């Protein structure tokens, strides 16, 4: 994945983020999960939620996959 990424999902926990990222990876899209939770040590410290990031070139496809999975 390039250094440039765009968020395609915002969820409430790292576990949810990992599920979404896994869904995207299974479709061949490289995905990254970011959270402000001290590396998973302090789960309740997620002040800004958890984001799932992809490369800009994969954004449209990733958003469609996430939308389909959550509808």
PDB file of N, CA and C in Angstrom:
ATOM      1  N   UNK A   1       0.852  -1.179   0.000  1.00  0.00           N
ATOM      2  CA  UNK A   1       0.000   0.000   0.000  1.00  0.00           C
ATOM      3  C   UNK A   1       0.890   1.232   0.000  1.00  0.00           C
ATOM      4  N   UNK A   2       0.467   2.232  -0.721  1.00  0.00           N
ATOM      5  CA  UNK A   2       1.222   3.478  -0.751  1.00  0.00           C
ATOM      6  C   UNK A   2       1.070   4.210   0.569  1.00  0.00           C
ATOM      7  N   UNK A   3       1.853   5.257   0.753  1.00  0.00           N
ATOM      8  CA  UNK A   3       1.733   6.058   1.965  1.00  0.00           C
ATOM      9  C   UNK A   3       0.453   6.869   1.980  1.00  0.00           C
ATOM     10  N   UNK A   4      -0.131   7.098   0.812  1.00  0.00           N
ATOM     11  CA  UNK A   4      -1.367   7.859   0.747  1.00  0.00           C
ATOM     12  C   UNK A   4      -2.543   6.906   0.888  1.00  0.00           C
ATOM     13  N   UNK A   5      -3.398   7.205   1.847  1.00  0.00           N
ATOM     14  CA  UNK A   5      -4.575   6.375   2.074  1.00  0.00           C
ATOM     15  C   UNK A   5      -5.788   7.261   2.281  1.00  0.00           C
ATOM     16  N   UNK A   6      -6.954   6.663   2.113  1.00  0.00           N
ATOM     17  CA  UNK A   6      -8.212   7.362   2.361  1.00  0.00           C
ATOM     18  C   UNK A   6      -9.080   6.471   3.242  1.00  0.00           C
ATOM     19  N   UNK A   7      -9.841   7.068   4.152  1.00  0.00           N
ATOM     20  CA  UNK A   7     -10.726   6.262   4.989  1.00  0.00           C
ATOM     21  C   UNK A   7     -11.960   5.823   4.202  1.00  0.00           C
ATOM     22  N   UNK A   8     -12.340   4.568   4.373  1.00  0.00           N
ATOM     23  CA  UNK A   8     -13.550   4.067   3.721  1.00  0.00           C
ATOM     24  C   UNK A   8     -14.573   3.574   4.733  1.00  0.00           C
ATOM     25  N   UNK A   9     -14.171   3.487   5.995  1.00  0.00           N
ATOM     26  CA  UNK A   9     -15.105   3.080   7.044  1.00  0.00           C
ATOM     27  C   UNK A   9     -14.605   3.613   8.378  1.00  0.00           C
ATOM     28  N   UNK A  10     -15.548   3.972   9.222  1.00  0.00           N
ATOM     29  CA  UNK A  10     -15.247   4.370  10.590  1.00  0.00           C
ATOM     30  C   UNK A  10     -16.124   3.513  11.493  1.00  0.00           C
ATOM     31  N   UNK A  11     -15.485   2.779  12.393  1.00  0.00           N
ATOM     32  CA  UNK A  11     -16.207   1.846  13.256  1.00  0.00           C
ATOM     33  C   UNK A  11     -15.838   2.111  14.711  1.00  0.00           C
ATOM     34  N   UNK A  12     -16.510   1.418  15.619  1.00  0.00           N
ATOM     35  CA  UNK A  12     -16.328   1.741  17.031  1.00  0.00           C
ATOM     36  C   UNK A  12     -15.279   0.913  17.756  1.00  0.00           C
ATOM     37  N   UNK A  13     -14.764  -0.147  17.138  1.00  0.00           N
ATOM     38  CA  UNK A  13     -13.751  -0.953  17.829  1.00  0.00           C
ATOM     39  C   UNK A  13     -12.729  -1.493  16.841  1.00  0.00           C
ATOM     40  N   UNK A  14     -11.563  -1.833  17.372  1.00  0.00           N
ATOM     41  CA  UNK A  14     -10.511  -2.412  16.534  1.00  0.00           C
ATOM     42  C   UNK A  14     -10.980  -3.751  15.954  1.00  0.00           C
ATOM     43  N   UNK A  15     -11.745  -4.515  16.718  1.00  0.00           N
ATOM     44  CA  UNK A  15     -12.244  -5.801  16.215  1.00  0.00           C
ATOM     45  C   UNK A  15     -13.123  -5.593  14.985  1.00  0.00           C
ATOM     46  N   UNK A  16     -14.018  -4.610  15.047  1.00  0.00           N
ATOM     47  CA  UNK A  16     -14.850  -4.290  13.879  1.00  0.00           C
ATOM     48  C   UNK A  16     -13.987  -3.855  12.698  1.00  0.00           C
ATOM     49  N   UNK A  17     -12.993  -3.038  12.979  1.00  0.00           N
ATOM     50  CA  UNK A  17     -12.093  -2.580  11.930  1.00  0.00           C
ATOM     51  C   UNK A  17     -11.366  -3.734  11.272  1.00  0.00           C
ATOM     52  N   UNK A  18     -10.941  -4.700  12.078  1.00  0.00           N
ATOM     53  CA  UNK A  18     -10.255  -5.874  11.534  1.00  0.00           C
ATOM     54  C   UNK A  18     -11.193  -6.707  10.660  1.00  0.00           C
ATOM     55  N   UNK A  19     -12.461  -6.771  11.032  1.00  0.00           N
ATOM     56  CA  UNK A  19     -13.437  -7.514  10.225  1.00  0.00           C
ATOM     57  C   UNK A  19     -13.634  -6.832   8.878  1.00  0.00           C
ATOM     58  N   UNK A  20     -13.805  -5.512   8.898  1.00  0.00           N
ATOM     59  CA  UNK A  20     -13.985  -4.766   7.647  1.00  0.00           C
ATOM     60  C   UNK A  20     -12.738  -4.892   6.775  1.00  0.00           C
ATOM     61  N   UNK A  21     -11.569  -4.740   7.382  1.00  0.00           N
ATOM     62  CA  UNK A  21     -10.323  -4.861   6.621  1.00  0.00           C
ATOM     63  C   UNK A  21     -10.187  -6.261   6.032  1.00  0.00           C
ATOM     64  N   UNK A  22     -10.570  -7.275   6.779  1.00  0.00           N
ATOM     65  CA  UNK A  22     -10.520  -8.644   6.277  1.00  0.00           C
ATOM     66  C   UNK A  22     -11.452  -8.853   5.093  1.00  0.00           C
ATOM     67  N   UNK A  23     -12.622  -8.244   5.168  1.00  0.00           N
ATOM     68  CA  UNK A  23     -13.568  -8.316   4.051  1.00  0.00           C
ATOM     69  C   UNK A  23     -12.958  -7.701   2.797  1.00  0.00           C
ATOM     70  N   UNK A  24     -12.332  -6.546   2.970  1.00  0.00           N
ATOM     71  CA  UNK A  24     -11.698  -5.880   1.828  1.00  0.00           C
ATOM     72  C   UNK A  24     -10.523  -6.693   1.299  1.00  0.00           C
ATOM     73  N   UNK A  25      -9.723  -7.226   2.196  1.00  0.00           N
ATOM     74  CA  UNK A  25      -8.575  -8.036   1.767  1.00  0.00           C
ATOM     75  C   UNK A  25      -9.034  -9.275   0.999  1.00  0.00           C
ATOM     76  N   UNK A  26     -10.153  -9.855   1.419  1.00  0.00           N
ATOM     77  CA  UNK A  26     -10.652 -11.044   0.714  1.00  0.00           C
ATOM     78  C   UNK A  26     -11.102 -10.702  -0.701  1.00  0.00           C
ATOM     79  N   UNK A  27     -11.359  -9.416  -0.954  1.00  0.00           N
ATOM     80  CA  UNK A  27     -11.721  -8.953  -2.296  1.00  0.00           C
ATOM     81  C   UNK A  27     -10.498  -8.460  -3.057  1.00  0.00           C
ATOM     82  N   UNK A  28      -9.316  -8.633  -2.467  1.00  0.00           N
ATOM     83  CA  UNK A  28      -8.082  -8.238  -3.142  1.00  0.00           C
ATOM     84  C   UNK A  28      -7.676  -6.793  -2.932  1.00  0.00           C
ATOM     85  N   UNK A  29      -8.283  -6.137  -1.948  1.00  0.00           N
ATOM     86  CA  UNK A  29      -7.959  -4.738  -1.657  1.00  0.00           C
ATOM     87  C   UNK A  29      -7.114  -4.686  -0.391  1.00  0.00           C
ATOM     88  N   UNK A  30      -5.949  -4.095  -0.484  1.00  0.00           N
ATOM     89  CA  UNK A  30      -5.094  -3.943   0.693  1.00  0.00           C
ATOM     90  C   UNK A  30      -5.718  -2.892   1.603  1.00  0.00           C
ATOM     91  N   UNK A  31      -5.870  -3.227   2.877  1.00  0.00           N
ATOM     92  CA  UNK A  31      -6.521  -2.324   3.827  1.00  0.00           C
ATOM     93  C   UNK A  31      -5.702  -2.245   5.105  1.00  0.00           C
ATOM     94  N   UNK A  32      -5.805  -1.110   5.761  1.00  0.00           N
ATOM     95  CA  UNK A  32      -5.079  -0.853   7.001  1.00  0.00           C
ATOM     96  C   UNK A  32      -6.085  -0.350   8.042  1.00  0.00           C
ATOM     97  N   UNK A  33      -5.901  -0.758   9.291  1.00  0.00           N
ATOM     98  CA  UNK A  33      -6.763  -0.318  10.389  1.00  0.00           C
ATOM     99  C   UNK A  33      -5.954   0.608  11.281  1.00  0.00           C
ATOM    100  N   UNK A  34      -6.517   1.767  11.590  1.00  0.00           N
ATOM    101  CA  UNK A  34      -5.850   2.688  12.511  1.00  0.00           C
ATOM    102  C   UNK A  34      -6.790   3.031  13.656  1.00  0.00           C
ATOM    103  N   UNK A  35      -6.216   3.126  14.848  1.00  0.00           N
ATOM    104  CA  UNK A  35      -6.996   3.454  16.037  1.00  0.00           C
ATOM    105  C   UNK A  35      -6.113   4.182  17.034  1.00  0.00           C
ATOM    106  N   UNK A  36      -6.710   5.057  17.782  1.00  0.00           N
ATOM    107  CA  UNK A  36      -6.010   5.788  18.831  1.00  0.00           C
ATOM    108  C   UNK A  36      -6.259   5.070  20.156  1.00  0.00           C
ATOM    109  N   UNK A  37      -5.724   3.836  20.258  1.00  0.00           N
ATOM    110  CA  UNK A  37      -6.010   3.022  21.437  1.00  0.00           C
ATOM    111  C   UNK A  37      -4.752   2.434  22.071  1.00  0.00           C
ATOM    112  N   UNK A  38      -3.642   3.126  21.931  1.00  0.00           N
ATOM    113  CA  UNK A  38      -2.365   2.695  22.510  1.00  0.00           C
ATOM    114  C   UNK A  38      -1.983   1.300  22.026  1.00  0.00           C
ATOM    115  N   UNK A  39      -2.132   1.074  20.742  1.00  0.00           N
ATOM    116  CA  UNK A  39      -1.753  -0.214  20.168  1.00  0.00           C
ATOM    117  C   UNK A  39      -2.622  -1.371  20.611  1.00  0.00           C
ATOM    118  N   UNK A  40      -3.856  -1.087  20.971  1.00  0.00           N
ATOM    119  CA  UNK A  40      -4.773  -2.130  21.408  1.00  0.00           C
ATOM    120  C   UNK A  40      -4.746  -2.375  22.903  1.00  0.00           C
ATOM    121  N   UNK A  41      -3.840  -1.710  23.600  1.00  0.00           N
ATOM    122  CA  UNK A  41      -3.716  -1.911  25.045  1.00  0.00           C
ATOM    123  C   UNK A  41      -4.849  -1.259  25.835  1.00  0.00           C
ATOM    124  N   UNK A  42      -5.338  -0.140  25.341  1.00  0.00           N
ATOM    125  CA  UNK A  42      -6.387   0.593  26.055  1.00  0.00           C
ATOM    126  C   UNK A  42      -7.560   0.785  25.100  1.00  0.00           C
ATOM    127  N   UNK A  43      -8.395  -0.219  24.986  1.00  0.00           N
ATOM    128  CA  UNK A  43      -9.497  -0.184  24.040  1.00  0.00           C
ATOM    129  C   UNK A  43     -10.451   0.974  24.239  1.00  0.00           C
ATOM    130  N   UNK A  44     -10.666   1.374  25.486  1.00  0.00           N
ATOM    131  CA  UNK A  44     -11.604   2.460  25.760  1.00  0.00           C
ATOM    132  C   UNK A  44     -11.010   3.826  25.446  1.00  0.00           C
ATOM    133  N   UNK A  45      -9.763   3.860  24.994  1.00  0.00           N
ATOM    134  CA  UNK A  45      -9.072   5.115  24.719  1.00  0.00           C
ATOM    135  C   UNK A  45      -9.260   5.570  23.273  1.00  0.00           C
ATOM    136  N   UNK A  46     -10.195   4.971  22.562  1.00  0.00           N
ATOM    137  CA  UNK A  46     -10.423   5.278  21.157  1.00  0.00           C
ATOM    138  C   UNK A  46     -11.247   6.552  21.026  1.00  0.00           C
ATOM    139  N   UNK A  47     -10.603   7.678  21.202  1.00  0.00           N
ATOM    140  CA  UNK A  47     -11.304   8.953  21.201  1.00  0.00           C
ATOM    141  C   UNK A  47     -11.911   9.295  19.854  1.00  0.00           C
ATOM    142  N   UNK A  48     -11.267   8.879  18.786  1.00  0.00           N
ATOM    143  CA  UNK A  48     -11.750   9.233  17.457  1.00  0.00           C
ATOM    144  C   UNK A  48     -12.194   8.016  16.670  1.00  0.00           C
ATOM    145  N   UNK A  49     -12.509   6.941  17.342  1.00  0.00           N
ATOM    146  CA  UNK A  49     -12.961   5.749  16.654  1.00  0.00           C
ATOM    147  C   UNK A  49     -11.838   5.024  15.945  1.00  0.00           C
ATOM    148  N   UNK A  50     -12.213   4.095  15.117  1.00  0.00           N
ATOM    149  CA  UNK A  50     -11.278   3.266  14.370  1.00  0.00           C
ATOM    150  C   UNK A  50     -11.567   3.475  12.895  1.00  0.00           C
ATOM    151  N   UNK A  51     -10.527   3.692  12.110  1.00  0.00           N
ATOM    152  CA  UNK A  51     -10.691   3.916  10.673  1.00  0.00           C
ATOM    153  C   UNK A  51     -10.094   2.765   9.886  1.00  0.00           C
ATOM    154  N   UNK A  52     -10.756   2.442   8.788  1.00  0.00           N
ATOM    155  CA  UNK A  52     -10.228   1.469   7.834  1.00  0.00           C
ATOM    156  C   UNK A  52      -9.798   2.266   6.615  1.00  0.00           C
ATOM    157  N   UNK A  53      -8.527   2.115   6.244  1.00  0.00           N
ATOM    158  CA  UNK A  53      -7.931   2.911   5.173  1.00  0.00           C
ATOM    159  C   UNK A  53      -7.541   2.038   3.992  1.00  0.00           C
ATOM    160  N   UNK A  54      -7.671   2.612   2.794  1.00  0.00           N
ATOM    161  CA  UNK A  54      -7.241   1.936   1.565  1.00  0.00           C
ATOM    162  C   UNK A  54      -6.522   2.944   0.683  1.00  0.00           C
ATOM    163  N   UNK A  55      -5.880   2.457  -0.357  1.00  0.00           N
ATOM    164  CA  UNK A  55      -5.246   3.337  -1.342  1.00  0.00           C
ATOM    165  C   UNK A  55      -6.332   4.099  -2.105  1.00  0.00           C
ATOM    166  N   UNK A  56      -6.049   5.337  -2.491  1.00  0.00           N
ATOM    167  CA  UNK A  56      -7.045   6.127  -3.221  1.00  0.00           C
ATOM    168  C   UNK A  56      -7.600   5.415  -4.461  1.00  0.00           C
ATOM    169  N   UNK A  57      -6.780   4.649  -5.143  1.00  0.00           N
ATOM    170  CA  UNK A  57      -7.239   3.946  -6.349  1.00  0.00           C
ATOM    171  C   UNK A  57      -8.285   2.877  -6.039  1.00  0.00           C
ATOM    172  N   UNK A  58      -8.325   2.402  -4.793  1.00  0.00           N
ATOM    173  CA  UNK A  58      -9.268   1.350  -4.394  1.00  0.00           C
ATOM    174  C   UNK A  58     -10.498   1.890  -3.671  1.00  0.00           C
ATOM    175  N   UNK A  59     -10.568   3.205  -3.495  1.00  0.00           N
ATOM    176  CA  UNK A  59     -11.620   3.791  -2.667  1.00  0.00           C
ATOM    177  C   UNK A  59     -13.030   3.434  -3.130  1.00  0.00           C
ATOM    178  N   UNK A  60     -13.342   3.633  -4.384  1.00  0.00           N
ATOM    179  CA  UNK A  60     -14.710   3.400  -4.870  1.00  0.00           C
ATOM    180  C   UNK A  60     -15.128   1.945  -4.683  1.00  0.00           C
ATOM    181  N   UNK A  61     -14.253   1.030  -5.054  1.00  0.00           N
ATOM    182  CA  UNK A  61     -14.582  -0.393  -4.905  1.00  0.00           C
ATOM    183  C   UNK A  61     -14.730  -0.762  -3.434  1.00  0.00           C
ATOM    184  N   UNK A  62     -13.838  -0.247  -2.591  1.00  0.00           N
ATOM    185  CA  UNK A  62     -13.896  -0.551  -1.162  1.00  0.00           C
ATOM    186  C   UNK A  62     -15.178  -0.014  -0.540  1.00  0.00           C
ATOM    187  N   UNK A  63     -15.556   1.200  -0.887  1.00  0.00           N
ATOM    188  CA  UNK A  63     -16.802   1.773  -0.353  1.00  0.00           C
ATOM    189  C   UNK A  63     -18.013   0.945  -0.787  1.00  0.00           C
ATOM    190  N   UNK A  64     -18.004   0.473  -2.022  1.00  0.00           N
ATOM    191  CA  UNK A  64     -19.110  -0.351  -2.510  1.00  0.00           C
ATOM    192  C   UNK A  64     -19.189  -1.664  -1.737  1.00  0.00           C
ATOM    193  N   UNK A  65     -18.046  -2.271  -1.462  1.00  0.00           N
ATOM    194  CA  UNK A  65     -18.012  -3.529  -0.714  1.00  0.00           C
ATOM    195  C   UNK A  65     -18.519  -3.312   0.704  1.00  0.00           C
ATOM    196  N   UNK A  66     -18.059  -2.247   1.350  1.00  0.00           N
ATOM    197  CA  UNK A  66     -18.498  -1.950   2.718  1.00  0.00           C
ATOM    198  C   UNK A  66     -19.998  -1.658   2.733  1.00  0.00           C
ATOM    199  N   UNK A  67     -20.474  -0.869   1.786  1.00  0.00           N
ATOM    200  CA  UNK A  67     -21.901  -0.534   1.726  1.00  0.00           C
ATOM    201  C   UNK A  67     -22.744  -1.790   1.524  1.00  0.00           C
ATOM    202  N   UNK A  68     -22.294  -2.674   0.661  1.00  0.00           N
ATOM    203  CA  UNK A  68     -23.029  -3.909   0.395  1.00  0.00           C
ATOM    204  C   UNK A  68     -23.073  -4.788   1.639  1.00  0.00           C
ATOM    205  N   UNK A  69     -21.976  -4.826   2.373  1.00  0.00           N
ATOM    206  CA  UNK A  69     -21.897  -5.672   3.564  1.00  0.00           C
ATOM    207  C   UNK A  69     -22.719  -5.122   4.721  1.00  0.00           C
ATOM    208  N   UNK A  70     -22.944  -3.826   4.751  1.00  0.00           N
ATOM    209  CA  UNK A  70     -23.663  -3.221   5.875  1.00  0.00           C
ATOM    210  C   UNK A  70     -25.116  -2.900   5.556  1.00  0.00           C
ATOM    211  N   UNK A  71     -25.565  -3.250   4.359  1.00  0.00           N
ATOM    212  CA  UNK A  71     -26.970  -2.950   4.025  1.00  0.00           C
ATOM    213  C   UNK A  71     -27.861  -4.144   4.254  1.00  0.00           C
TER     214      UNK A  71
END
